[in-house]
Amino acid sequence: MRAIADPPAKPPPGTVQRRQVDRVRDMRDRLVAATVGCLDELGYAGASISAIQQAAGVSRGAILHHFPSRQALIAATAASLLEAAIRPIRENLEGKRPLPKSIADFLSFHWRRVVDTREGRAFVEILVACRTDRPLEAELSKLFADWDAEIAEFAQKSFRATGPAADDPALLWSIGRAFLRGLLIHARFVDDPAYLKRMVERFGELLASQLTLQTRTNAL
């Protein structure tokens, strides 16, 4: 007599739902990563749904299932980029990493690890697009404002300015970040990477005359 196989065990409660959530998250991460690559390599205008679809290796329907429009995908990518960029700042406030020795070192670190990266270049593409793409600007304005406020809080707690204004630490660090983002565009006209490095170092020295580190117990 043939034995009757036991029925397959049912997965624990919530397992199927968790797997579905994981699949959705993995697909969204995949699409965002493809969008970052397209923004870096092709620019905002070239980062079309078709280009992103090809880079991600998925169907157009898969993209539109998760993001109903290109604008929604770009907005999700911006949110992901901002979260990645602010993570070191949060670690700073939590004291998880040693501070650099000077503001000049801090600026150089920010250039190498945050700005002059595929993620940093992709973010600048989105920022530039917001100048003329009003719907995109409206979509991202609150996100940008909240992010900038958190950066300002970090600067106020981590830096000391020589000027009398109470918000000078945040103001000066904002100037430093604006310089680095502008340098990404200027880099197209500079053939020697060493020259860009000198520009960052020299600007860091100038900034250091106005801004100093508050403490060495915070993190990068």
C-alpha atoms as a PDB file:
ATOM      1  CA  MET A   1       0.000   0.000   0.000  1.00  0.00           C
ATOM      2  CA  ARG A   2       1.378   3.384  -1.020  1.00  0.00           C
ATOM      3  CA  ALA A   3       2.078   5.689   1.897  1.00  0.00           C
ATOM      4  CA  ILE A   4       0.227   8.947   1.924  1.00  0.00           C
ATOM      5  CA  ALA A   5       2.621  11.863   2.144  1.00  0.00           C
ATOM      6  CA  ASP A   6       2.080  14.341   4.915  1.00  0.00           C
ATOM      7  CA  PRO A   7       0.710  17.677   3.723  1.00  0.00           C
ATOM      8  CA  PRO A   8       3.331  20.424   3.502  1.00  0.00           C
ATOM      9  CA  ALA A   9       3.720  22.331   6.711  1.00  0.00           C
ATOM     10  CA  LYS A  10       2.100  25.712   6.782  1.00  0.00           C
ATOM     11  CA  PRO A  11       4.503  28.635   7.162  1.00  0.00           C
ATOM     12  CA  PRO A  12       4.387  30.410  10.525  1.00  0.00           C
ATOM     13  CA  PRO A  13       1.839  33.217  10.759  1.00  0.00           C
ATOM     14  CA  GLY A  14       3.077  36.363   9.079  1.00  0.00           C
ATOM     15  CA  THR A  15       5.838  34.623   7.093  1.00  0.00           C
ATOM     16  CA  VAL A  16       4.147  35.041   3.711  1.00  0.00           C
ATOM     17  CA  GLN A  17       3.419  38.677   4.428  1.00  0.00           C
ATOM     18  CA  ARG A  18       7.021  39.303   5.519  1.00  0.00           C
ATOM     19  CA  ARG A  19       8.326  37.675   2.369  1.00  0.00           C
ATOM     20  CA  GLN A  20       6.077  39.874   0.270  1.00  0.00           C
ATOM     21  CA  VAL A  21       7.282  42.974   2.115  1.00  0.00           C
ATOM     22  CA  ASP A  22      10.884  41.885   1.548  1.00  0.00           C
ATOM     23  CA  ARG A  23      10.250  41.362  -2.166  1.00  0.00           C
ATOM     24  CA  VAL A  24       8.682  44.786  -2.489  1.00  0.00           C
ATOM     25  CA  ARG A  25      11.580  46.409  -0.626  1.00  0.00           C
ATOM     26  CA  ASP A  26      14.173  44.559  -2.696  1.00  0.00           C
ATOM     27  CA  MET A  27      12.524  45.603  -5.951  1.00  0.00           C
ATOM     28  CA  ARG A  28      12.234  49.228  -4.878  1.00  0.00           C
ATOM     29  CA  ASP A  29      15.897  49.225  -3.813  1.00  0.00           C
ATOM     30  CA  ARG A  30      16.837  47.719  -7.165  1.00  0.00           C
ATOM     31  CA  LEU A  31      14.946  50.393  -9.055  1.00  0.00           C
ATOM     32  CA  VAL A  32      16.395  53.192  -6.940  1.00  0.00           C
ATOM     33  CA  ALA A  33      19.928  51.853  -7.468  1.00  0.00           C
ATOM     34  CA  ALA A  34      19.339  51.727 -11.225  1.00  0.00           C
ATOM     35  CA  THR A  35      18.007  55.288 -11.133  1.00  0.00           C
ATOM     36  CA  VAL A  36      21.104  56.485  -9.270  1.00  0.00           C
ATOM     37  CA  GLY A  37      23.316  54.887 -11.899  1.00  0.00           C
ATOM     38  CA  CYS A  38      21.357  56.454 -14.759  1.00  0.00           C
ATOM     39  CA  LEU A  39      21.388  59.897 -13.145  1.00  0.00           C
ATOM     40  CA  ASP A  40      25.144  59.681 -12.659  1.00  0.00           C
ATOM     41  CA  GLU A  41      25.950  58.362 -16.121  1.00  0.00           C
ATOM     42  CA  LEU A  42      23.221  59.935 -18.275  1.00  0.00           C
ATOM     43  CA  GLY A  43      22.079  62.978 -16.309  1.00  0.00           C
ATOM     44  CA  TYR A  44      18.530  63.878 -15.323  1.00  0.00           C
ATOM     45  CA  ALA A  45      17.292  64.192 -18.904  1.00  0.00           C
ATOM     46  CA  GLY A  46      18.768  60.830 -19.848  1.00  0.00           C
ATOM     47  CA  ALA A  47      17.416  58.969 -16.821  1.00  0.00           C
ATOM     48  CA  SER A  48      14.211  57.960 -18.587  1.00  0.00           C
ATOM     49  CA  ILE A  49      11.949  55.111 -17.565  1.00  0.00           C
ATOM     50  CA  SER A  50      13.315  53.131 -20.516  1.00  0.00           C
ATOM     51  CA  ALA A  51      16.927  53.693 -19.455  1.00  0.00           C
ATOM     52  CA  ILE A  52      16.147  52.785 -15.854  1.00  0.00           C
ATOM     53  CA  GLN A  53      14.237  49.710 -16.996  1.00  0.00           C
ATOM     54  CA  GLN A  54      17.241  48.528 -18.989  1.00  0.00           C
ATOM     55  CA  ALA A  55      19.675  49.245 -16.143  1.00  0.00           C
ATOM     56  CA  ALA A  56      17.499  47.402 -13.610  1.00  0.00           C
ATOM     57  CA  GLY A  57      16.770  44.490 -15.943  1.00  0.00           C
ATOM     58  CA  VAL A  58      13.033  44.559 -15.259  1.00  0.00           C
ATOM     59  CA  SER A  59       9.878  45.140 -17.258  1.00  0.00           C
ATOM     60  CA  ARG A  60       8.308  48.558 -17.638  1.00  0.00           C
ATOM     61  CA  GLY A  61       5.243  47.184 -15.848  1.00  0.00           C
ATOM     62  CA  ALA A  62       7.374  46.243 -12.838  1.00  0.00           C
ATOM     63  CA  ILE A  63       8.567  49.836 -12.531  1.00  0.00           C
ATOM     64  CA  LEU A  64       5.100  51.338 -12.879  1.00  0.00           C
ATOM     65  CA  HIS A  65       3.717  48.839 -10.372  1.00  0.00           C
ATOM     66  CA  HIS A  66       5.974  50.321  -7.685  1.00  0.00           C
ATOM     67  CA  PHE A  67       6.246  53.881  -8.979  1.00  0.00           C
ATOM     68  CA  PRO A  68       3.313  55.279 -10.999  1.00  0.00           C
ATOM     69  CA  SER A  69       5.480  57.911 -12.699  1.00  0.00           C
ATOM     70  CA  ARG A  70       9.068  58.887 -13.391  1.00  0.00           C
ATOM     71  CA  GLN A  71       8.634  61.777 -10.971  1.00  0.00           C
ATOM     72  CA  ALA A  72       7.623  59.388  -8.181  1.00  0.00           C
ATOM     73  CA  LEU A  73      10.708  57.248  -8.841  1.00  0.00           C
ATOM     74  CA  ILE A  74      13.011  60.277  -8.871  1.00  0.00           C
ATOM     75  CA  ALA A  75      11.440  61.492  -5.611  1.00  0.00           C
ATOM     76  CA  ALA A  76      11.968  58.082  -3.967  1.00  0.00           C
ATOM     77  CA  THR A  77      15.561  58.112  -5.196  1.00  0.00           C
ATOM     78  CA  ALA A  78      16.119  61.573  -3.721  1.00  0.00           C
ATOM     79  CA  ALA A  79      14.762  60.379  -0.367  1.00  0.00           C
ATOM     80  CA  SER A  80      17.096  57.384  -0.438  1.00  0.00           C
ATOM     81  CA  LEU A  81      20.099  59.556  -1.312  1.00  0.00           C
ATOM     82  CA  LEU A  82      19.343  62.021   1.465  1.00  0.00           C
ATOM     83  CA  GLU A  83      18.959  59.217   3.993  1.00  0.00           C
ATOM     84  CA  ALA A  84      22.346  57.783   2.982  1.00  0.00           C
ATOM     85  CA  ALA A  85      23.988  61.225   3.104  1.00  0.00           C
ATOM     86  CA  ILE A  86      22.656  62.079   6.551  1.00  0.00           C
ATOM     87  CA  ARG A  87      23.531  58.728   8.129  1.00  0.00           C
ATOM     88  CA  PRO A  88      27.109  59.831   8.952  1.00  0.00           C
ATOM     89  CA  ILE A  89      25.688  63.005  10.489  1.00  0.00           C
ATOM     90  CA  ARG A  90      23.428  61.010  12.795  1.00  0.00           C
ATOM     91  CA  GLU A  91      26.344  58.791  13.733  1.00  0.00           C
ATOM     92  CA  ASN A  92      28.246  61.972  14.555  1.00  0.00           C
ATOM     93  CA  LEU A  93      25.568  63.129  16.967  1.00  0.00           C
ATOM     94  CA  GLU A  94      25.505  59.653  18.530  1.00  0.00           C
ATOM     95  CA  GLY A  95      29.291  59.659  18.986  1.00  0.00           C
ATOM     96  CA  LYS A  96      29.970  56.505  16.972  1.00  0.00           C
ATOM     97  CA  ARG A  97      33.008  57.733  14.994  1.00  0.00           C
ATOM     98  CA  PRO A  98      36.085  59.832  15.826  1.00  0.00           C
ATOM     99  CA  LEU A  99      36.079  63.385  14.530  1.00  0.00           C
ATOM    100  CA  PRO A 100      38.659  64.475  11.946  1.00  0.00           C
ATOM    101  CA  LYS A 101      41.448  66.732  13.139  1.00  0.00           C
ATOM    102  CA  SER A 102      40.160  69.916  11.520  1.00  0.00           C
ATOM    103  CA  ILE A 103      37.379  71.512   9.509  1.00  0.00           C
ATOM    104  CA  ALA A 104      39.612  71.187   6.433  1.00  0.00           C
ATOM    105  CA  ASP A 105      39.813  67.420   7.015  1.00  0.00           C
ATOM    106  CA  PHE A 106      36.086  67.267   7.557  1.00  0.00           C
ATOM    107  CA  LEU A 107      35.451  69.072   4.271  1.00  0.00           C
ATOM    108  CA  SER A 108      37.822  66.737   2.417  1.00  0.00           C
ATOM    109  CA  PHE A 109      36.080  63.725   3.930  1.00  0.00           C
ATOM    110  CA  HIS A 110      32.713  65.089   2.829  1.00  0.00           C
ATOM    111  CA  TRP A 111      34.010  65.634  -0.713  1.00  0.00           C
ATOM    112  CA  ARG A 112      35.493  62.136  -1.032  1.00  0.00           C
ATOM    113  CA  ARG A 113      32.826  60.088   0.745  1.00  0.00           C
ATOM    114  CA  VAL A 114      29.572  61.980   0.128  1.00  0.00           C
ATOM    115  CA  VAL A 115      29.730  64.461  -2.754  1.00  0.00           C
ATOM    116  CA  ASP A 116      32.183  63.103  -5.350  1.00  0.00           C
ATOM    117  CA  THR A 117      30.465  59.712  -5.513  1.00  0.00           C
ATOM    118  CA  ARG A 118      27.876  58.244  -7.857  1.00  0.00           C
ATOM    119  CA  GLU A 119      25.246  59.001  -5.220  1.00  0.00           C
ATOM    120  CA  GLY A 120      26.462  62.561  -4.727  1.00  0.00           C
ATOM    121  CA  ARG A 121      26.540  63.247  -8.456  1.00  0.00           C
ATOM    122  CA  ALA A 122      23.059  61.757  -8.876  1.00  0.00           C
ATOM    123  CA  PHE A 123      21.760  64.024  -6.117  1.00  0.00           C
ATOM    124  CA  VAL A 124      23.192  67.132  -7.779  1.00  0.00           C
ATOM    125  CA  GLU A 125      21.412  66.116 -11.006  1.00  0.00           C
ATOM    126  CA  ILE A 126      18.127  66.093  -9.069  1.00  0.00           C
ATOM    127  CA  LEU A 127      18.880  69.447  -7.416  1.00  0.00           C
ATOM    128  CA  VAL A 128      19.640  71.096 -10.762  1.00  0.00           C
ATOM    129  CA  ALA A 129      16.469  69.603 -12.277  1.00  0.00           C
ATOM    130  CA  CYS A 130      14.386  71.164  -9.506  1.00  0.00           C
ATOM    131  CA  ARG A 131      15.372  74.629 -10.741  1.00  0.00           C
ATOM    132  CA  THR A 132      13.108  74.289 -13.771  1.00  0.00           C
ATOM    133  CA  ASP A 133      10.963  71.216 -13.038  1.00  0.00           C
ATOM    134  CA  ARG A 134       8.347  72.825 -10.801  1.00  0.00           C
ATOM    135  CA  PRO A 135       6.315  69.659 -10.100  1.00  0.00           C
ATOM    136  CA  LEU A 136       9.492  67.859  -9.012  1.00  0.00           C
ATOM    137  CA  GLU A 137      10.477  70.807  -6.843  1.00  0.00           C
ATOM    138  CA  ALA A 138       7.042  70.802  -5.199  1.00  0.00           C
ATOM    139  CA  GLU A 139       7.304  67.050  -4.610  1.00  0.00           C
ATOM    140  CA  LEU A 140      10.681  67.358  -2.909  1.00  0.00           C
ATOM    141  CA  SER A 141      10.556  70.760  -1.193  1.00  0.00           C
ATOM    142  CA  LYS A 142       9.495  69.469   2.249  1.00  0.00           C
ATOM    143  CA  LEU A 143      11.964  66.596   2.091  1.00  0.00           C
ATOM    144  CA  PHE A 144      14.783  69.021   1.289  1.00  0.00           C
ATOM    145  CA  ALA A 145      13.701  71.438   4.029  1.00  0.00           C
ATOM    146  CA  ASP A 146      13.572  68.707   6.692  1.00  0.00           C
ATOM    147  CA  TRP A 147      16.945  67.350   5.614  1.00  0.00           C
ATOM    148  CA  ASP A 148      18.548  70.797   5.660  1.00  0.00           C
ATOM    149  CA  ALA A 149      17.155  71.440   9.135  1.00  0.00           C
ATOM    150  CA  GLU A 150      18.751  68.251  10.444  1.00  0.00           C
ATOM    151  CA  ILE A 151      22.085  69.213   8.863  1.00  0.00           C
ATOM    152  CA  ALA A 152      21.817  72.645  10.495  1.00  0.00           C
ATOM    153  CA  GLU A 153      21.200  71.020  13.881  1.00  0.00           C
ATOM    154  CA  PHE A 154      24.306  68.895  13.401  1.00  0.00           C
ATOM    155  CA  ALA A 155      26.400  71.961  12.519  1.00  0.00           C
ATOM    156  CA  GLN A 156      25.173  73.944  15.533  1.00  0.00           C
ATOM    157  CA  LYS A 157      26.115  71.080  17.869  1.00  0.00           C
ATOM    158  CA  SER A 158      29.417  70.142  16.236  1.00  0.00           C
ATOM    159  CA  PHE A 159      31.012  73.425  15.137  1.00  0.00           C
ATOM    160  CA  ARG A 160      31.922  76.771  16.686  1.00  0.00           C
ATOM    161  CA  ALA A 161      31.989  79.915  14.504  1.00  0.00           C
ATOM    162  CA  THR A 162      34.077  83.043  15.020  1.00  0.00           C
ATOM    163  CA  GLY A 163      31.247  85.371  13.947  1.00  0.00           C
ATOM    164  CA  PRO A 164      28.719  86.855  16.390  1.00  0.00           C
ATOM    165  CA  ALA A 165      25.567  85.412  14.788  1.00  0.00           C
ATOM    166  CA  ALA A 166      24.146  82.461  16.708  1.00  0.00           C
ATOM    167  CA  ASP A 167      23.413  80.489  13.534  1.00  0.00           C
ATOM    168  CA  ASP A 168      26.849  81.028  11.968  1.00  0.00           C
ATOM    169  CA  PRO A 169      27.917  77.361  12.354  1.00  0.00           C
ATOM    170  CA  ALA A 170      24.954  76.191  10.278  1.00  0.00           C
ATOM    171  CA  LEU A 171      25.386  79.041   7.789  1.00  0.00           C
ATOM    172  CA  LEU A 172      29.082  78.419   7.230  1.00  0.00           C
ATOM    173  CA  TRP A 173      28.679  74.669   6.871  1.00  0.00           C
ATOM    174  CA  SER A 174      25.903  75.307   4.355  1.00  0.00           C
ATOM    175  CA  ILE A 175      28.358  77.480   2.391  1.00  0.00           C
ATOM    176  CA  GLY A 176      30.872  74.641   2.505  1.00  0.00           C
ATOM    177  CA  ARG A 177      28.357  72.134   1.161  1.00  0.00           C
ATOM    178  CA  ALA A 178      27.320  74.546  -1.592  1.00  0.00           C
ATOM    179  CA  PHE A 179      30.976  74.902  -2.608  1.00  0.00           C
ATOM    180  CA  LEU A 180      31.387  71.119  -2.887  1.00  0.00           C
ATOM    181  CA  ARG A 181      28.224  70.686  -4.952  1.00  0.00           C
ATOM    182  CA  GLY A 182      29.344  73.490  -7.270  1.00  0.00           C
ATOM    183  CA  LEU A 183      32.751  71.859  -7.558  1.00  0.00           C
ATOM    184  CA  LEU A 184      31.108  68.782  -9.080  1.00  0.00           C
ATOM    185  CA  ILE A 185      29.992  70.944 -11.995  1.00  0.00           C
ATOM    186  CA  HIS A 186      33.310  72.799 -12.217  1.00  0.00           C
ATOM    187  CA  ALA A 187      35.134  69.443 -12.279  1.00  0.00           C
ATOM    188  CA  ARG A 188      34.031  69.019 -15.898  1.00  0.00           C
ATOM    189  CA  PHE A 189      36.479  71.781 -16.824  1.00  0.00           C
ATOM    190  CA  VAL A 190      39.417  70.458 -14.791  1.00  0.00           C
ATOM    191  CA  ASP A 191      41.576  67.683 -16.220  1.00  0.00           C
ATOM    192  CA  ASP A 192      43.762  67.120 -13.163  1.00  0.00           C
ATOM    193  CA  PRO A 193      42.095  65.455 -10.144  1.00  0.00           C
ATOM    194  CA  ALA A 194      44.979  66.697  -7.995  1.00  0.00           C
ATOM    195  CA  TYR A 195      43.937  70.263  -8.770  1.00  0.00           C
ATOM    196  CA  LEU A 196      40.420  69.568  -7.506  1.00  0.00           C
ATOM    197  CA  LYS A 197      41.936  68.093  -4.361  1.00  0.00           C
ATOM    198  CA  ARG A 198      43.956  71.284  -3.882  1.00  0.00           C
ATOM    199  CA  MET A 199      40.799  73.377  -4.323  1.00  0.00           C
ATOM    200  CA  VAL A 200      39.009  71.407  -1.600  1.00  0.00           C
ATOM    201  CA  GLU A 201      42.001  71.667   0.726  1.00  0.00           C
ATOM    202  CA  ARG A 202      42.441  75.386   0.108  1.00  0.00           C
ATOM    203  CA  PHE A 203      38.760  76.131   0.641  1.00  0.00           C
ATOM    204  CA  GLY A 204      38.930  74.034   3.805  1.00  0.00           C
ATOM    205  CA  GLU A 205      41.748  76.249   5.071  1.00  0.00           C
ATOM    206  CA  LEU A 206      39.674  79.349   4.340  1.00  0.00           C
ATOM    207  CA  LEU A 207      36.657  77.853   6.092  1.00  0.00           C
ATOM    208  CA  ALA A 208      38.801  76.880   9.079  1.00  0.00           C
ATOM    209  CA  SER A 209      39.500  80.571   9.733  1.00  0.00           C
ATOM    210  CA  GLN A 210      35.794  81.014  10.472  1.00  0.00           C
ATOM    211  CA  LEU A 211      34.727  77.611  11.767  1.00  0.00           C
ATOM    212  CA  THR A 212      36.245  75.163  14.270  1.00  0.00           C
ATOM    213  CA  LEU A 213      35.252  71.800  15.660  1.00  0.00           C
ATOM    214  CA  GLN A 214      33.215  71.957  18.835  1.00  0.00           C
ATOM    215  CA  THR A 215      34.339  68.633  20.283  1.00  0.00           C
ATOM    216  CA  ARG A 216      36.267  65.514  19.333  1.00  0.00           C
ATOM    217  CA  THR A 217      33.790  63.097  20.839  1.00  0.00           C
ATOM    218  CA  ASN A 218      31.307  63.383  17.992  1.00  0.00           C
ATOM    219  CA  ALA A 219      31.462  61.370  14.793  1.00  0.00           C
ATOM    220  CA  LEU A 220      31.841  62.149  11.131  1.00  0.00           C
END
